[in-house]
């Protein structure tokens, strides 16, 4: 189920990503640009419609799956600090 908030959250993320100027990683910039292009002009009501625009649901689903696959190798686990506590 596609909710209005899902599309709105993605749009908000694209705006925040640009404001934060995360840059420095061309691959990440390209993936975000791909996702932004995929969602450009997409109306949540059209995504929810079950007749006539099923191709839109498929396109968005396949596109976001591709974005997720492209993001996987870009993610790294940040090292955690080891906190040593003295015994009580």
Protein backbone atom coordinates (compact mmCIF):
# COMPACT_ATOMS: atom_id res chain seq x y z
CA UNK A 1 0.00 0.00 0.00
CA UNK A 2 1.34 3.40 -0.96
CA UNK A 3 0.46 6.18 1.44
CA UNK A 4 0.74 9.89 0.73
CA UNK A 5 3.31 10.12 3.52
CA UNK A 6 5.65 7.65 1.78
CA UNK A 7 5.92 9.84 -1.31
CA UNK A 8 6.08 13.00 0.83
CA UNK A 9 8.87 11.51 2.96
CA UNK A 10 10.91 10.67 -0.12
CA UNK A 11 10.43 14.18 -1.50
CA UNK A 12 11.44 15.66 1.84
CA UNK A 13 14.53 13.44 1.91
CA UNK A 14 15.61 14.61 -1.54
CA UNK A 15 15.33 18.24 -0.42
CA UNK A 16 17.18 17.57 2.84
CA UNK A 17 19.93 15.63 1.02
CA UNK A 18 20.53 18.61 -1.22
CA UNK A 19 20.54 21.08 1.72
CA UNK A 20 22.98 18.96 3.72
CA UNK A 21 25.34 18.91 0.75
CA UNK A 22 26.45 15.38 1.56
CA UNK A 23 28.40 15.37 -1.74
CA UNK A 24 31.82 13.91 -2.09
CA UNK A 25 30.53 10.54 -3.19
CA UNK A 26 29.55 10.52 -6.84
CA UNK A 27 27.95 7.08 -6.57
CA UNK A 28 25.67 8.20 -3.73
CA UNK A 29 24.77 11.38 -5.60
CA UNK A 30 23.88 9.30 -8.67
CA UNK A 31 21.69 6.90 -6.68
CA UNK A 32 19.81 9.77 -5.03
CA UNK A 33 19.38 11.48 -8.41
CA UNK A 34 18.02 8.22 -9.86
CA UNK A 35 15.51 7.86 -7.02
CA UNK A 36 14.50 11.52 -7.33
CA UNK A 37 13.94 11.12 -11.07
CA UNK A 38 11.94 7.97 -10.48
CA UNK A 39 9.59 9.76 -8.08
CA UNK A 40 9.32 13.02 -10.05
CA UNK A 41 5.67 13.68 -10.86
CA UNK A 42 4.44 10.54 -9.10
CA UNK A 43 1.11 11.08 -7.38
CA UNK A 44 0.27 8.82 -4.42
CA UNK A 45 -3.32 8.50 -5.64
CA UNK A 46 -2.06 7.12 -8.96
CA UNK A 47 0.09 4.58 -7.12
CA UNK A 48 -2.91 3.41 -5.10
CA UNK A 49 -5.16 3.10 -8.15
CA UNK A 50 -5.59 -0.53 -9.06
CA UNK A 51 -6.85 0.00 -12.60
CA UNK A 52 -5.23 1.73 -15.52
CA UNK A 53 -1.92 2.61 -13.91
CA UNK A 54 -0.61 -0.75 -12.73
CA UNK A 55 2.46 -0.11 -14.86
CA UNK A 56 3.25 2.88 -12.61
CA UNK A 57 3.25 0.71 -9.50
CA UNK A 58 5.53 -1.78 -11.24
CA UNK A 59 7.89 0.95 -12.46
CA UNK A 60 8.19 2.55 -9.01
CA UNK A 61 8.59 -0.81 -7.28
CA UNK A 62 11.28 -2.02 -9.69
CA UNK A 63 13.01 1.36 -9.64
CA UNK A 64 13.15 1.56 -5.84
CA UNK A 65 14.35 -2.04 -5.67
CA UNK A 66 17.19 -1.06 -8.01
CA UNK A 67 17.98 1.96 -5.83
CA UNK A 68 18.12 -0.26 -2.74
CA UNK A 69 20.48 -2.68 -4.53
CA UNK A 70 22.69 0.22 -5.61
CA UNK A 71 22.82 1.53 -2.03
CA UNK A 72 23.83 -1.79 -0.46
CA UNK A 73 27.52 -1.65 -1.43
CA UNK A 74 27.70 2.01 -0.38
CA UNK A 75 26.67 1.29 3.21
CA UNK A 76 29.30 0.54 5.80
CA UNK A 77 29.05 -0.31 9.45
CA UNK A 78 30.46 2.48 11.56
CA UNK A 79 32.83 1.29 14.27
CA UNK A 80 31.39 1.55 17.74
CA UNK A 81 33.22 2.88 20.72
CA UNK A 82 34.11 0.41 23.35
CA UNK A 83 33.18 1.76 26.74
CA UNK A 84 35.01 0.26 29.66
CA UNK A 85 33.33 0.61 33.00
CA UNK A 86 35.08 0.14 36.25
CA UNK A 87 33.69 -2.61 38.45
CA UNK A 88 31.35 -1.47 41.22
